[in-house]
N, C-alpha and C. Protein backbone atom coordinates (compact mmCIF):
# COMPACT_ATOMS: atom_id res chain seq x y z
N MET A 1 -27.48 16.46 -6.79
CA MET A 1 -27.13 15.48 -8.37
C MET A 1 -25.92 14.95 -8.19
N LYS A 2 -24.80 15.70 -7.83
CA LYS A 2 -23.44 15.38 -7.81
C LYS A 2 -23.28 14.56 -6.51
N LYS A 3 -23.88 14.53 -5.58
CA LYS A 3 -24.02 13.74 -4.19
C LYS A 3 -24.49 12.39 -4.76
N ASN A 4 -25.30 12.12 -5.52
CA ASN A 4 -25.66 10.79 -6.34
C ASN A 4 -24.68 10.31 -6.89
N HIS A 5 -23.98 10.71 -7.83
CA HIS A 5 -23.02 10.24 -8.65
C HIS A 5 -21.66 10.30 -7.83
N LEU A 6 -21.34 10.87 -6.76
CA LEU A 6 -20.40 10.16 -5.96
C LEU A 6 -21.08 8.67 -5.28
N TYR A 7 -21.98 8.66 -4.59
CA TYR A 7 -22.47 7.49 -4.34
C TYR A 7 -22.49 6.39 -5.16
N ILE A 8 -22.95 6.42 -6.36
CA ILE A 8 -22.72 5.20 -7.49
C ILE A 8 -21.45 5.18 -7.78
N ALA A 9 -20.75 6.16 -7.44
CA ALA A 9 -19.11 5.84 -8.00
C ALA A 9 -18.36 4.92 -6.72
N VAL A 10 -18.88 5.37 -5.51
CA VAL A 10 -18.40 4.47 -4.56
C VAL A 10 -18.68 3.17 -4.39
N LEU A 11 -20.42 3.11 -4.65
CA LEU A 11 -20.82 1.85 -4.63
C LEU A 11 -20.17 1.00 -5.98
N ALA A 12 -19.89 1.46 -7.04
CA ALA A 12 -19.18 0.77 -8.44
C ALA A 12 -17.79 0.24 -7.99
N ILE A 13 -17.06 1.02 -6.95
CA ILE A 13 -15.80 0.65 -6.84
C ILE A 13 -15.79 -0.47 -5.76
N MET A 14 -16.72 -0.30 -4.84
CA MET A 14 -16.82 -1.39 -3.93
C MET A 14 -17.65 -2.67 -4.42
N PHE A 15 -18.04 -2.47 -5.32
CA PHE A 15 -18.69 -4.02 -6.04
C PHE A 15 -17.37 -4.29 -6.99
N CYS A 16 -16.64 -3.78 -7.80
CA CYS A 16 -15.33 -4.32 -8.38
C CYS A 16 -14.49 -4.62 -7.55
N VAL A 17 -14.09 -4.04 -6.43
CA VAL A 17 -13.23 -4.56 -5.08
C VAL A 17 -13.59 -5.99 -4.74
N SER A 18 -15.03 -5.74 -4.47
CA SER A 18 -15.43 -7.43 -3.97
C SER A 18 -15.64 -8.45 -4.90
N LEU A 19 -15.81 -7.91 -6.24
CA LEU A 19 -15.59 -9.05 -7.23
C LEU A 19 -14.14 -9.73 -7.75
N VAL A 20 -13.11 -8.84 -7.53
CA VAL A 20 -11.82 -9.13 -7.82
C VAL A 20 -11.76 -10.06 -6.35
N MET A 21 -12.08 -9.43 -5.22
CA MET A 21 -11.65 -10.45 -3.79
C MET A 21 -12.19 -12.04 -4.12
N ALA A 22 -13.61 -12.06 -4.48
CA ALA A 22 -14.36 -13.21 -4.60
C ALA A 22 -13.62 -14.10 -5.60
N LEU A 23 -12.89 -13.80 -6.81
CA LEU A 23 -12.40 -14.33 -7.80
C LEU A 23 -11.09 -14.53 -7.50
N ASN A 24 -10.46 -14.13 -6.38
CA ASN A 24 -9.01 -14.18 -6.11
C ASN A 24 -8.87 -14.38 -4.40
N PRO A 25 -9.22 -15.48 -3.95
CA PRO A 25 -9.48 -15.66 -2.58
C PRO A 25 -7.96 -15.23 -1.74
N GLY A 26 -6.98 -15.31 -2.42
CA GLY A 26 -5.71 -15.46 -1.90
C GLY A 26 -5.30 -13.65 -1.82
N LEU A 27 -5.77 -12.63 -2.04
CA LEU A 27 -5.86 -11.45 -2.34
C LEU A 27 -6.43 -10.89 -0.90
N THR A 28 -5.53 -10.18 -0.54
CA THR A 28 -5.72 -9.16 0.92
C THR A 28 -5.88 -7.94 0.67
N LEU A 29 -6.74 -7.07 1.40
CA LEU A 29 -6.67 -5.55 1.61
C LEU A 29 -6.17 -5.12 2.72
N SER A 30 -5.32 -4.02 2.74
CA SER A 30 -4.70 -3.41 3.86
C SER A 30 -4.49 -1.89 3.59
N ALA A 31 -4.59 -1.52 4.69
CA ALA A 31 -4.34 0.18 4.51
C ALA A 31 -3.22 0.45 5.90
N GLY A 32 -2.11 1.60 5.29
CA GLY A 32 -1.38 1.73 6.20
C GLY A 32 -0.81 2.70 5.75
N ARG A 33 0.54 3.04 5.96
CA ARG A 33 1.17 4.35 5.57
C ARG A 33 2.29 3.81 4.64
N CYS A 34 2.66 4.91 3.72
CA CYS A 34 3.50 4.48 2.70
C CYS A 34 4.78 4.80 3.34
N LEU A 35 5.96 4.50 2.95
CA LEU A 35 7.33 4.41 3.49
C LEU A 35 8.24 4.19 2.42
N ARG A 36 8.72 5.57 1.54
CA ARG A 36 9.53 5.49 0.58
C ARG A 36 11.07 5.39 0.92
N SER A 37 11.96 4.68 0.03
CA SER A 37 13.28 4.71 0.58
C SER A 37 14.31 5.68 -0.42
N HIS A 38 15.44 5.86 -0.05
CA HIS A 38 16.07 6.74 -0.83
C HIS A 38 16.35 6.25 -2.23
N ALA A 39 16.38 4.86 -2.39
CA ALA A 39 16.46 4.29 -3.63
C ALA A 39 14.93 4.19 -4.31
N GLY A 40 14.19 4.50 -3.80
CA GLY A 40 12.79 4.61 -4.56
C GLY A 40 11.88 3.49 -4.33
N ASP A 41 12.35 2.50 -3.64
CA ASP A 41 11.52 1.40 -3.11
C ASP A 41 10.50 1.82 -2.13
N CYS A 42 9.14 1.16 -2.44
CA CYS A 42 7.90 1.64 -1.44
C CYS A 42 7.63 0.45 -0.66
N PHE A 43 7.40 0.91 0.64
CA PHE A 43 7.21 -0.06 1.75
C PHE A 43 5.88 0.38 2.39
N LEU A 44 4.94 -0.66 2.70
CA LEU A 44 3.65 -0.22 3.53
C LEU A 44 3.84 -0.66 4.93
N VAL A 45 3.28 0.54 5.84
CA VAL A 45 3.94 0.04 7.15
C VAL A 45 2.46 -0.27 7.95
N LEU A 46 2.42 -1.51 8.38
CA LEU A 46 1.41 -2.31 8.76
C LEU A 46 1.69 -2.43 10.32
N ASP A 47 1.09 -1.83 11.21
CA ASP A 47 1.30 -2.05 12.51
C ASP A 47 2.72 -1.95 12.95
N GLU A 48 3.28 -1.25 12.81
CA GLU A 48 4.89 -0.70 12.86
C GLU A 48 5.44 -1.77 12.13
N THR A 49 4.96 -2.19 10.99
CA THR A 49 6.02 -3.52 10.46
C THR A 49 6.15 -3.13 9.05
N PRO A 50 7.36 -2.68 8.98
CA PRO A 50 7.09 -2.46 7.03
C PRO A 50 7.35 -3.89 6.07
N VAL A 51 6.53 -3.43 5.14
CA VAL A 51 6.07 -4.52 4.37
C VAL A 51 6.70 -4.09 2.87
N ALA A 52 7.70 -4.57 2.29
CA ALA A 52 7.95 -3.99 0.76
C ALA A 52 7.25 -4.47 -0.20
N LEU A 53 6.84 -3.24 -0.98
CA LEU A 53 5.81 -3.88 -1.90
C LEU A 53 6.39 -3.76 -3.39
N TYR A 54 5.95 -4.62 -4.19
CA TYR A 54 6.43 -4.99 -5.39
C TYR A 54 5.14 -4.94 -6.44
N SER A 55 5.42 -4.47 -7.58
CA SER A 55 4.13 -4.22 -8.57
C SER A 55 4.04 -5.61 -9.30
N ARG A 56 2.65 -5.90 -9.05
CA ARG A 56 2.53 -7.47 -9.77
C ARG A 56 2.70 -7.13 -11.07
N SER A 57 2.59 -6.01 -11.63
CA SER A 57 2.47 -5.97 -13.10
C SER A 57 3.70 -5.38 -13.66
N GLY A 58 4.70 -5.34 -12.85
CA GLY A 58 6.29 -4.95 -13.11
C GLY A 58 6.46 -3.75 -13.46
N ASP A 59 5.69 -2.63 -13.55
CA ASP A 59 5.70 -1.24 -14.02
C ASP A 59 6.51 -0.48 -13.05
N PRO A 60 7.52 -0.02 -13.69
CA PRO A 60 8.39 0.99 -12.70
C PRO A 60 7.86 2.06 -12.31
N ASP A 61 6.64 2.63 -12.92
CA ASP A 61 6.18 3.54 -12.30
C ASP A 61 4.88 3.56 -11.34
N PHE A 62 4.71 2.27 -10.95
CA PHE A 62 3.48 1.88 -10.43
C PHE A 62 3.40 2.78 -8.86
N PHE A 63 4.13 3.05 -8.36
CA PHE A 63 3.98 3.89 -7.23
C PHE A 63 4.30 5.36 -7.00
N ASP A 64 4.82 5.57 -8.39
CA ASP A 64 4.82 7.20 -8.67
C ASP A 64 3.71 8.00 -7.73
N GLY A 65 3.68 9.16 -7.35
CA GLY A 65 2.90 9.87 -6.65
C GLY A 65 3.13 9.77 -5.39
N LEU A 66 3.29 8.60 -4.80
CA LEU A 66 3.31 8.20 -3.29
C LEU A 66 4.69 8.97 -2.55
N ASP A 67 4.30 9.51 -1.46
CA ASP A 67 5.38 9.98 -0.38
C ASP A 67 5.63 8.94 1.09
N THR A 68 6.22 9.36 1.51
CA THR A 68 6.47 8.94 2.97
C THR A 68 5.38 9.51 3.66
N GLY A 69 4.75 8.50 4.29
CA GLY A 69 3.30 9.14 5.30
C GLY A 69 2.52 9.24 4.74
N ASP A 70 2.14 9.05 3.71
CA ASP A 70 0.90 8.80 2.75
C ASP A 70 0.05 7.91 3.25
N PRO A 71 -1.27 7.86 3.54
CA PRO A 71 -2.33 7.12 3.94
C PRO A 71 -2.40 6.13 2.59
N VAL A 72 -2.14 4.66 2.65
CA VAL A 72 -2.66 4.15 1.29
C VAL A 72 -3.39 3.01 1.36
N PHE A 73 -4.48 2.58 0.44
CA PHE A 73 -5.07 1.33 0.65
C PHE A 73 -4.26 0.41 -0.51
N VAL A 74 -3.99 -0.79 -0.14
CA VAL A 74 -3.38 -1.79 -1.21
C VAL A 74 -4.28 -3.21 -0.95
N ILE A 75 -4.08 -3.50 -2.36
CA ILE A 75 -4.70 -4.95 -2.63
C ILE A 75 -3.39 -5.86 -3.00
N HIS A 76 -3.14 -6.79 -2.43
CA HIS A 76 -2.10 -7.63 -2.46
C HIS A 76 -1.88 -9.00 -2.17
N ASP A 77 -1.02 -9.73 -2.59
CA ASP A 77 -0.92 -11.33 -2.36
C ASP A 77 -0.72 -11.24 -0.86
N GLY A 78 -0.46 -12.42 -0.44
CA GLY A 78 0.08 -12.83 0.87
C GLY A 78 1.32 -12.11 1.32
N ILE A 79 1.37 -12.10 2.35
CA ILE A 79 2.87 -11.25 2.99
C ILE A 79 3.77 -12.25 3.26
N GLN A 80 5.15 -12.30 2.52
CA GLN A 80 6.22 -13.02 2.79
C GLN A 80 6.98 -12.51 3.89
N GLU A 81 7.06 -13.59 5.14
CA GLU A 81 7.66 -13.27 6.32
C GLU A 81 8.89 -13.32 6.48
N THR A 82 9.62 -12.64 5.61
CA THR A 82 11.14 -12.27 5.81
C THR A 82 11.17 -10.83 6.25
N PHE A 83 12.36 -10.61 6.64
CA PHE A 83 12.54 -8.98 6.93
C PHE A 83 13.61 -8.37 5.93
N PRO A 84 12.86 -7.21 5.25
CA PRO A 84 11.44 -6.73 5.80
C PRO A 84 10.61 -7.70 4.92
N ALA A 85 9.61 -7.89 5.18
CA ALA A 85 8.30 -8.76 4.87
C ALA A 85 7.95 -8.22 3.39
N GLN A 86 7.76 -8.70 2.58
CA GLN A 86 7.37 -8.59 1.08
C GLN A 86 5.89 -8.91 0.62
N THR A 87 5.65 -8.55 -0.33
CA THR A 87 4.16 -8.66 -1.13
C THR A 87 4.31 -8.22 -2.49
N GLN A 88 3.68 -8.72 -3.28
CA GLN A 88 3.19 -8.20 -4.53
C GLN A 88 1.69 -7.51 -4.51
N ALA A 89 1.79 -6.25 -5.05
CA ALA A 89 0.73 -5.43 -4.91
C ALA A 89 -0.10 -5.45 -6.44
N TYR A 90 -1.44 -5.50 -6.16
CA TYR A 90 -2.44 -5.33 -7.60
C TYR A 90 -2.77 -3.65 -7.87
N LEU A 91 -2.89 -3.21 -6.22
CA LEU A 91 -3.72 -2.07 -6.74
C LEU A 91 -3.14 -1.15 -5.41
N CYS A 92 -2.70 0.01 -5.51
CA CYS A 92 -2.35 0.68 -4.38
C CYS A 92 -2.73 2.39 -4.83
N LEU A 93 -3.73 2.65 -3.67
CA LEU A 93 -4.46 3.82 -3.94
C LEU A 93 -3.99 4.74 -2.84
N ARG A 94 -3.68 5.87 -3.08
CA ARG A 94 -3.24 7.08 -2.22
C ARG A 94 -4.60 7.52 -1.41
N LEU A 95 -4.75 7.84 -0.34
CA LEU A 95 -6.21 8.11 0.30
C LEU A 95 -5.80 9.51 1.08
N GLY A 96 -4.52 9.98 0.74
CA GLY A 96 -4.62 11.54 1.32
C GLY A 96 -3.00 11.82 1.34
N SER A 97 -2.77 13.03 2.14
CA SER A 97 -1.28 13.24 2.26
C SER A 97 -0.54 13.17 3.47
N GLY A 98 0.33 12.88 3.64
CA GLY A 98 1.00 12.63 4.88
C GLY A 98 2.43 13.32 4.93
N ASN A 99 3.40 13.02 6.11
CA ASN A 99 4.44 13.59 6.14
C ASN A 99 5.36 12.30 6.68
N PRO A 100 6.69 12.50 6.65
CA PRO A 100 7.39 11.79 7.29
C PRO A 100 6.99 11.49 8.79
N GLN A 101 6.76 12.42 9.55
CA GLN A 101 6.67 12.20 10.97
C GLN A 101 5.48 11.30 11.27
N ASP A 102 4.59 11.09 10.31
CA ASP A 102 3.43 9.89 10.56
C ASP A 102 4.04 8.49 10.47
N ILE A 103 5.21 8.53 10.28
CA ILE A 103 6.00 6.86 10.29
C ILE A 103 6.63 6.97 11.64
N PRO A 104 6.41 5.91 12.52
CA PRO A 104 6.95 5.60 13.87
C PRO A 104 8.69 5.44 13.91
N GLN A 105 9.01 6.11 14.52
CA GLN A 105 10.77 6.35 14.44
C GLN A 105 11.29 4.65 14.78
N ASP A 106 10.90 3.98 15.11
CA ASP A 106 11.30 2.63 15.37
C ASP A 106 11.01 1.95 14.17
N VAL A 107 10.52 2.03 13.41
CA VAL A 107 10.17 1.50 11.93
C VAL A 107 11.07 1.92 11.03
N LEU A 108 11.41 3.38 11.17
CA LEU A 108 12.55 3.96 10.29
C LEU A 108 13.94 3.19 10.81
N ASN A 109 14.14 3.15 12.10
CA ASN A 109 15.40 2.81 12.51
C ASN A 109 15.83 1.13 12.38
N GLY A 110 14.75 0.43 12.52
CA GLY A 110 15.02 -1.06 12.20
C GLY A 110 14.91 -1.19 10.51
N LEU A 111 14.54 -0.47 9.81
CA LEU A 111 14.52 -0.60 8.48
C LEU A 111 15.85 0.04 7.96
N THR A 112 16.63 0.94 8.66
CA THR A 112 17.64 1.50 8.14
C THR A 112 18.81 0.53 8.58
N LYS A 113 18.79 -0.13 9.87
CA LYS A 113 19.57 -1.15 9.85
C LYS A 113 19.39 -2.37 9.02
N ALA A 114 18.24 -2.92 8.60
CA ALA A 114 18.23 -4.25 7.80
C ALA A 114 18.88 -3.64 6.46
N LEU A 115 18.67 -2.48 6.11
CA LEU A 115 19.03 -2.37 4.35
C LEU A 115 20.36 -1.82 4.25
N GLU A 116 21.03 -1.59 5.45
CA GLU A 116 22.49 -1.08 5.55
C GLU A 116 23.34 -2.43 5.00
């Protein structure tokens, strides 16, 4: 019985995400790793490229609970091609736990140089 509830919940979430995506064709779905800076900024690492995430709602606690290395799923606007790249996040879901070793060292080095 609980298995059926899980399937229904997953289908409902998929339907809601599909509906939001259909109503806002400029939105993108991305999955990657979270990278938190010492200042508390949140980055999404996509294909070894850090993308600065900003809350679309302006909520300062939007990314609380995320740690460096955590796998995340993000619904966001288009990515601005600056360095580091930037985007506005509508939804950010933590998919599991990770650790800093999950982030490639080249990404950390490049971002450290850019933020100095």
